[in-house]
Amino acid sequence: MTNIEVLLSVAINHDWSLYQIDVRNAFLHGDLEEEVFMKLPLGHPQSNSPNLVCKLHKSICGLKPSPRAWHAKLNIALKALGFTRSNVDSFLFVQ
């Protein structure tokens, strides 16, 4: 059984409403805890200087810490709304 099938089964057996969200730009909202630097993007006025970099304050797609940063922020927001995270599946929140 896949995780989705298990979640559906639990929701059906308890007569719960089940909602799934998909946020397209979710990774852009995560706050980075680590210091992450990247080369200046093409088109930046000083992008031809190889010694210049920029420090990221927010996560971006393709960055390894991005999923963790976004999930941490989502976890805080859902807990503030009264949700509890499942011990079995960290992406399952119950209210």
C-alpha atoms as a PDB file:
ATOM      1  CA  MET A   1       0.000   0.000   0.000  1.00  0.00           C
ATOM      2  CA  THR A   2       1.237   3.484  -0.824  1.00  0.00           C
ATOM      3  CA  ASN A   3       1.194   6.329   1.707  1.00  0.00           C
ATOM      4  CA  ILE A   4      -1.789   7.887  -0.071  1.00  0.00           C
ATOM      5  CA  GLU A   5      -3.738   4.634   0.103  1.00  0.00           C
ATOM      6  CA  VAL A   6      -2.997   4.325   3.822  1.00  0.00           C
ATOM      7  CA  LEU A   7      -4.097   7.911   4.459  1.00  0.00           C
ATOM      8  CA  LEU A   8      -7.301   7.389   2.486  1.00  0.00           C
ATOM      9  CA  SER A   9      -8.031   4.211   4.412  1.00  0.00           C
ATOM     10  CA  VAL A  10      -7.500   5.919   7.790  1.00  0.00           C
ATOM     11  CA  ALA A  11      -9.671   8.893   6.771  1.00  0.00           C
ATOM     12  CA  ILE A  12     -12.476   6.634   5.528  1.00  0.00           C
ATOM     13  CA  ASN A  13     -12.406   4.409   8.628  1.00  0.00           C
ATOM     14  CA  HIS A  14     -12.654   7.435  10.944  1.00  0.00           C
ATOM     15  CA  ASP A  15     -15.142   9.345   8.749  1.00  0.00           C
ATOM     16  CA  TRP A  16     -12.658  12.231   8.492  1.00  0.00           C
ATOM     17  CA  SER A  17     -12.497  14.906   5.828  1.00  0.00           C
ATOM     18  CA  LEU A  18      -9.242  14.696   3.913  1.00  0.00           C
ATOM     19  CA  TYR A  19      -7.572  17.625   2.143  1.00  0.00           C
ATOM     20  CA  GLN A  20      -4.407  17.625   0.084  1.00  0.00           C
ATOM     21  CA  ILE A  21      -2.526  20.746  -0.911  1.00  0.00           C
ATOM     22  CA  ASP A  22       0.020  21.262  -3.634  1.00  0.00           C
ATOM     23  CA  VAL A  23       1.889  24.543  -3.495  1.00  0.00           C
ATOM     24  CA  ARG A  24       3.797  25.249  -6.705  1.00  0.00           C
ATOM     25  CA  ASN A  25       6.147  27.850  -5.277  1.00  0.00           C
ATOM     26  CA  ALA A  26       6.436  26.346  -1.794  1.00  0.00           C
ATOM     27  CA  PHE A  27      10.243  26.199  -1.743  1.00  0.00           C
ATOM     28  CA  LEU A  28      10.432  29.966  -2.232  1.00  0.00           C
ATOM     29  CA  HIS A  29       8.903  30.486   1.213  1.00  0.00           C
ATOM     30  CA  GLY A  30      11.377  28.459   3.289  1.00  0.00           C
ATOM     31  CA  ASP A  31      13.841  30.310   5.501  1.00  0.00           C
ATOM     32  CA  LEU A  32      17.402  29.000   5.363  1.00  0.00           C
ATOM     33  CA  GLU A  33      19.141  28.225   8.648  1.00  0.00           C
ATOM     34  CA  GLU A  34      22.496  27.564   6.989  1.00  0.00           C
ATOM     35  CA  GLU A  35      24.645  30.085   5.162  1.00  0.00           C
ATOM     36  CA  VAL A  36      24.247  29.435   1.444  1.00  0.00           C
ATOM     37  CA  PHE A  37      26.056  31.355  -1.273  1.00  0.00           C
ATOM     38  CA  MET A  38      25.617  31.170  -5.032  1.00  0.00           C
ATOM     39  CA  LYS A  39      27.178  32.687  -8.113  1.00  0.00           C
ATOM     40  CA  LEU A  40      25.462  35.784  -9.420  1.00  0.00           C
ATOM     41  CA  PRO A  41      22.750  34.867 -11.934  1.00  0.00           C
ATOM     42  CA  LEU A  42      23.245  35.600 -15.620  1.00  0.00           C
ATOM     43  CA  GLY A  43      21.940  39.026 -16.497  1.00  0.00           C
ATOM     44  CA  HIS A  44      22.998  40.573 -13.186  1.00  0.00           C
ATOM     45  CA  PRO A  45      24.969  43.777 -13.863  1.00  0.00           C
ATOM     46  CA  GLN A  46      28.073  42.304 -12.165  1.00  0.00           C
ATOM     47  CA  SER A  47      27.657  38.669 -13.261  1.00  0.00           C
ATOM     48  CA  ASN A  48      30.849  38.804 -15.330  1.00  0.00           C
ATOM     49  CA  SER A  49      32.934  39.129 -12.146  1.00  0.00           C
ATOM     50  CA  PRO A  50      33.840  35.541 -11.113  1.00  0.00           C
ATOM     51  CA  ASN A  51      34.707  36.461  -7.501  1.00  0.00           C
ATOM     52  CA  LEU A  52      31.303  37.883  -6.569  1.00  0.00           C
ATOM     53  CA  VAL A  53      28.611  35.735  -4.966  1.00  0.00           C
ATOM     54  CA  CYS A  54      25.294  36.424  -3.269  1.00  0.00           C
ATOM     55  CA  LYS A  55      24.101  35.122   0.082  1.00  0.00           C
ATOM     56  CA  LEU A  56      20.657  33.521   0.022  1.00  0.00           C
ATOM     57  CA  HIS A  57      18.164  34.306   2.788  1.00  0.00           C
ATOM     58  CA  LYS A  58      15.312  32.268   1.288  1.00  0.00           C
ATOM     59  CA  SER A  59      15.397  28.833  -0.250  1.00  0.00           C
ATOM     60  CA  ILE A  60      15.116  28.277  -3.996  1.00  0.00           C
ATOM     61  CA  CYS A  61      14.139  25.275  -6.115  1.00  0.00           C
ATOM     62  CA  GLY A  62      16.986  22.843  -6.649  1.00  0.00           C
ATOM     63  CA  LEU A  63      18.737  23.702  -3.397  1.00  0.00           C
ATOM     64  CA  LYS A  64      19.251  20.672  -1.130  1.00  0.00           C
ATOM     65  CA  PRO A  65      18.022  22.359   2.108  1.00  0.00           C
ATOM     66  CA  SER A  66      14.890  23.783   0.395  1.00  0.00           C
ATOM     67  CA  PRO A  67      12.456  20.930   1.177  1.00  0.00           C
ATOM     68  CA  ARG A  68      13.539  20.837   4.827  1.00  0.00           C
ATOM     69  CA  ALA A  69      13.284  24.633   5.193  1.00  0.00           C
ATOM     70  CA  TRP A  70       9.804  24.721   3.673  1.00  0.00           C
ATOM     71  CA  HIS A  71       8.541  21.782   5.731  1.00  0.00           C
ATOM     72  CA  ALA A  72       9.826  23.384   8.947  1.00  0.00           C
ATOM     73  CA  LYS A  73       7.921  26.591   8.161  1.00  0.00           C
ATOM     74  CA  LEU A  74       4.768  24.650   7.226  1.00  0.00           C
ATOM     75  CA  ASN A  75       5.027  22.615  10.440  1.00  0.00           C
ATOM     76  CA  ILE A  76       5.127  25.792  12.573  1.00  0.00           C
ATOM     77  CA  ALA A  77       2.170  27.331  10.710  1.00  0.00           C
ATOM     78  CA  LEU A  78      -0.013  24.226  10.961  1.00  0.00           C
ATOM     79  CA  LYS A  79       0.783  23.737  14.659  1.00  0.00           C
ATOM     80  CA  ALA A  80      -0.250  27.358  15.277  1.00  0.00           C
ATOM     81  CA  LEU A  81      -3.594  26.518  13.629  1.00  0.00           C
ATOM     82  CA  GLY A  82      -4.115  23.588  15.984  1.00  0.00           C
ATOM     83  CA  PHE A  83      -2.903  20.716  13.817  1.00  0.00           C
ATOM     84  CA  THR A  84      -0.875  17.818  15.206  1.00  0.00           C
ATOM     85  CA  ARG A  85       1.796  16.088  13.127  1.00  0.00           C
ATOM     86  CA  SER A  86       1.590  12.317  12.860  1.00  0.00           C
ATOM     87  CA  ASN A  87       4.381  10.254  14.423  1.00  0.00           C
ATOM     88  CA  VAL A  88       4.116   7.754  11.571  1.00  0.00           C
ATOM     89  CA  ASP A  89       4.163  10.136   8.586  1.00  0.00           C
ATOM     90  CA  SER A  90       5.712  13.576   9.056  1.00  0.00           C
ATOM     91  CA  PHE A  91       3.629  14.969   6.178  1.00  0.00           C
ATOM     92  CA  LEU A  92       0.315  14.002   7.811  1.00  0.00           C
ATOM     93  CA  PHE A  93      -1.284  16.650   9.999  1.00  0.00           C
ATOM     94  CA  VAL A  94      -4.502  16.023  11.909  1.00  0.00           C
ATOM     95  CA  GLN A  95      -6.843  18.559  13.476  1.00  0.00           C
END
